[in-house]
Amino acid sequence: MASWVIMEKPDERAGDGTLLVRDGFSFVAFIVPLLWLLWHRLWIEALVLLAVAAGIAAASTFGGLAGAEPFVSVLVSLFIGLEGPNLRLRALARRGWREAGVVEAASRDEAEYRWFGAERSAGEPSPAAPRAAQPSRSAAAVPTIGMVEFPGAR
């Protein structure tokens, strides 16, 4: 299952201005990274990609790295394919959107259902609400190292 990050505008009420972003590899961003960045209005990232492409072209022309140009271009495309959704999330955060939660679902429809549907009834907290930490009953009696308890310690 894929993870879907829910981003909400801070000035909108729940449900309005909500965007679901799939956190995973984007095949379209791998194939056409510049168009993908422009489609999602990632202007700064698109300019950086153009500068990197110009640097790769200059290095292959003047630096004698003509054989490495296709390999480096594929690596840049792979980076955009892997980190494109994260770049999109960070750009939304710069624009004032806030991360409301994360939903695991197989498809976008299922993620919307899980976020807006049955699991979010009126009396229940939202999936993004932090849960209070429950203190351990035997915290003082059990020696711990870091966060790992060793009940059989001597």
Protein backbone atom coordinates (compact mmCIF):
# COMPACT_ATOMS: atom_id res chain seq x y z
CA MET A 1 0.00 0.00 0.00
CA ALA A 2 1.08 3.53 -0.68
CA SER A 3 1.18 6.38 1.79
CA TRP A 4 -0.81 9.50 0.99
CA VAL A 5 0.07 12.77 2.70
CA ILE A 6 -2.89 15.05 3.31
CA MET A 7 -2.14 18.76 2.99
CA GLU A 8 -4.68 21.40 4.02
CA LYS A 9 -4.80 25.16 3.67
CA PRO A 10 -4.71 26.70 7.13
CA ASP A 11 -7.49 29.22 6.41
CA GLU A 12 -9.98 26.70 5.00
CA ARG A 13 -12.44 24.60 6.96
CA ALA A 14 -12.04 20.81 6.97
CA GLY A 15 -12.62 19.25 3.56
CA ASP A 16 -12.15 22.43 1.54
CA GLY A 17 -8.69 23.07 0.19
CA THR A 18 -7.45 19.56 0.89
CA LEU A 19 -4.82 17.97 -1.33
CA LEU A 20 -3.68 14.33 -1.29
CA VAL A 21 -0.10 13.71 -2.41
CA ARG A 22 1.11 10.14 -2.97
CA ASP A 23 4.41 9.56 -1.22
CA GLY A 24 6.29 7.27 -3.56
CA PHE A 25 8.08 6.96 -6.88
CA SER A 26 6.56 9.06 -9.67
CA PHE A 27 7.08 7.43 -13.06
CA VAL A 28 5.95 10.55 -14.93
CA ALA A 29 8.48 12.66 -12.99
CA PHE A 30 11.17 10.17 -13.99
CA ILE A 31 10.27 10.23 -17.71
CA VAL A 32 9.66 13.99 -18.14
CA PRO A 33 11.04 15.70 -15.02
CA LEU A 34 10.89 19.30 -16.26
CA LEU A 35 7.28 19.03 -17.43
CA TRP A 36 6.29 17.31 -14.19
CA LEU A 37 7.88 20.09 -12.13
CA LEU A 38 6.17 22.78 -14.20
CA TRP A 39 2.81 20.99 -14.04
CA HIS A 40 2.96 21.00 -10.25
CA ARG A 41 4.11 24.65 -10.17
CA LEU A 42 7.52 23.87 -8.73
CA TRP A 43 9.15 26.89 -10.35
CA ILE A 44 12.32 27.03 -8.23
CA GLU A 45 12.95 23.32 -8.61
CA ALA A 46 12.43 23.58 -12.40
CA LEU A 47 15.01 26.38 -12.58
CA VAL A 48 17.45 24.27 -10.56
CA LEU A 49 16.83 21.35 -12.93
CA LEU A 50 17.54 23.59 -15.93
CA ALA A 51 20.76 24.81 -14.29
CA VAL A 52 21.83 21.22 -13.59
CA ALA A 53 21.05 20.23 -17.19
CA ALA A 54 23.08 23.19 -18.46
CA GLY A 55 25.93 22.16 -16.16
CA ILE A 56 25.81 18.59 -17.44
CA ALA A 57 25.85 19.84 -21.04
CA ALA A 58 28.77 22.19 -20.32
CA ALA A 59 30.72 19.45 -18.57
CA SER A 60 30.20 17.07 -21.48
CA THR A 61 31.17 19.68 -24.07
CA PHE A 62 34.10 21.41 -22.39
CA GLY A 63 35.13 18.90 -19.77
CA GLY A 64 35.41 15.88 -22.01
CA LEU A 65 32.70 13.94 -20.15
CA ALA A 66 30.61 13.12 -23.23
CA GLY A 67 30.31 9.45 -22.25
CA ALA A 68 28.97 10.29 -18.79
CA GLU A 69 26.23 12.69 -19.93
CA PRO A 70 23.47 10.08 -20.46
CA PHE A 71 24.30 8.35 -17.18
CA VAL A 72 24.22 11.60 -15.17
CA SER A 73 20.98 12.66 -16.89
CA VAL A 74 19.32 9.39 -15.92
CA LEU A 75 20.53 9.86 -12.33
CA VAL A 76 19.00 13.35 -12.22
CA SER A 77 15.72 11.99 -13.63
CA LEU A 78 15.79 9.17 -11.08
CA PHE A 79 16.28 11.71 -8.30
CA ILE A 80 13.26 13.73 -9.50
CA GLY A 81 11.20 10.53 -9.78
CA LEU A 82 12.08 9.49 -6.24
CA GLU A 83 12.04 12.87 -4.51
CA GLY A 84 9.48 14.71 -6.67
CA PRO A 85 6.54 14.14 -4.30
CA ASN A 86 8.68 15.30 -1.38
CA LEU A 87 9.69 18.42 -3.33
CA ARG A 88 6.01 19.04 -3.97
CA LEU A 89 5.15 18.67 -0.28
CA ARG A 90 7.91 21.09 0.74
CA ALA A 91 6.74 23.63 -1.85
CA LEU A 92 3.19 23.40 -0.52
CA ALA A 93 4.51 23.94 3.02
CA ARG A 94 6.36 27.07 1.83
CA ARG A 95 3.04 28.35 0.44
CA GLY A 96 1.34 27.99 3.80
CA TRP A 97 -0.26 24.56 3.50
CA ARG A 98 -0.01 22.35 6.57
CA GLU A 99 0.35 18.60 6.81
CA ALA A 100 -2.86 17.27 8.30
CA GLY A 101 -2.02 13.57 8.33
CA VAL A 102 -0.97 10.45 6.48
CA VAL A 103 -3.22 7.72 5.15
CA GLU A 104 -2.18 4.32 3.81
CA ALA A 105 -4.28 3.24 0.86
CA ALA A 106 -3.93 1.37 -2.42
CA SER A 107 -5.50 4.14 -4.53
CA ARG A 108 -6.43 7.80 -4.36
CA ASP A 109 -10.13 6.96 -4.03
CA GLU A 110 -9.45 4.67 -1.09
CA ALA A 111 -7.26 7.33 0.54
CA GLU A 112 -10.03 9.91 0.18
CA TYR A 113 -12.54 7.45 1.63
CA ARG A 114 -10.31 6.70 4.59
CA TRP A 115 -9.62 10.38 5.26
CA PHE A 116 -13.08 11.85 4.69
CA GLY A 117 -15.27 8.79 5.13
CA ALA A 118 -16.09 6.19 7.71
CA GLU A 119 -13.00 6.46 9.90
CA ARG A 120 -13.59 10.15 10.68
CA SER A 121 -16.90 10.19 12.48
CA ALA A 122 -17.98 13.18 14.56
CA GLY A 123 -16.92 11.83 17.94
CA GLU A 124 -13.52 10.51 16.96
CA PRO A 125 -10.33 12.56 16.67
CA SER A 126 -8.77 12.96 13.25
CA PRO A 127 -6.12 10.40 12.23
CA ALA A 128 -3.50 13.16 12.45
CA ALA A 129 -4.29 13.98 16.09
CA PRO A 130 -1.41 13.02 18.35
CA ARG A 131 -2.12 10.40 20.95
CA ALA A 132 -0.98 10.93 24.51
CA ALA A 133 1.86 8.70 25.57
CA GLN A 134 0.82 6.10 28.12
CA PRO A 135 3.37 5.72 30.92
CA SER A 136 4.61 2.22 31.54
CA ARG A 137 3.45 0.71 34.85
CA SER A 138 6.77 -0.92 35.53
CA ALA A 139 9.02 1.87 34.23
CA ALA A 140 10.79 2.26 37.57
CA ALA A 141 11.17 -1.48 38.18
CA VAL A 142 12.62 -2.39 34.78
CA PRO A 143 16.09 -1.25 33.75
CA THR A 144 16.14 0.36 30.32
CA ILE A 145 18.74 1.37 27.81
CA GLY A 146 17.41 4.07 25.59
CA MET A 147 13.90 3.01 24.60
CA VAL A 148 14.48 -0.76 24.85
CA GLU A 149 13.39 -2.57 28.00
CA PHE A 150 15.20 -5.65 29.24
CA PRO A 151 12.77 -7.39 31.63
CA GLY A 152 15.14 -10.25 32.34
CA ALA A 153 18.09 -8.06 33.36
CA ARG A 154 20.10 -8.98 36.45
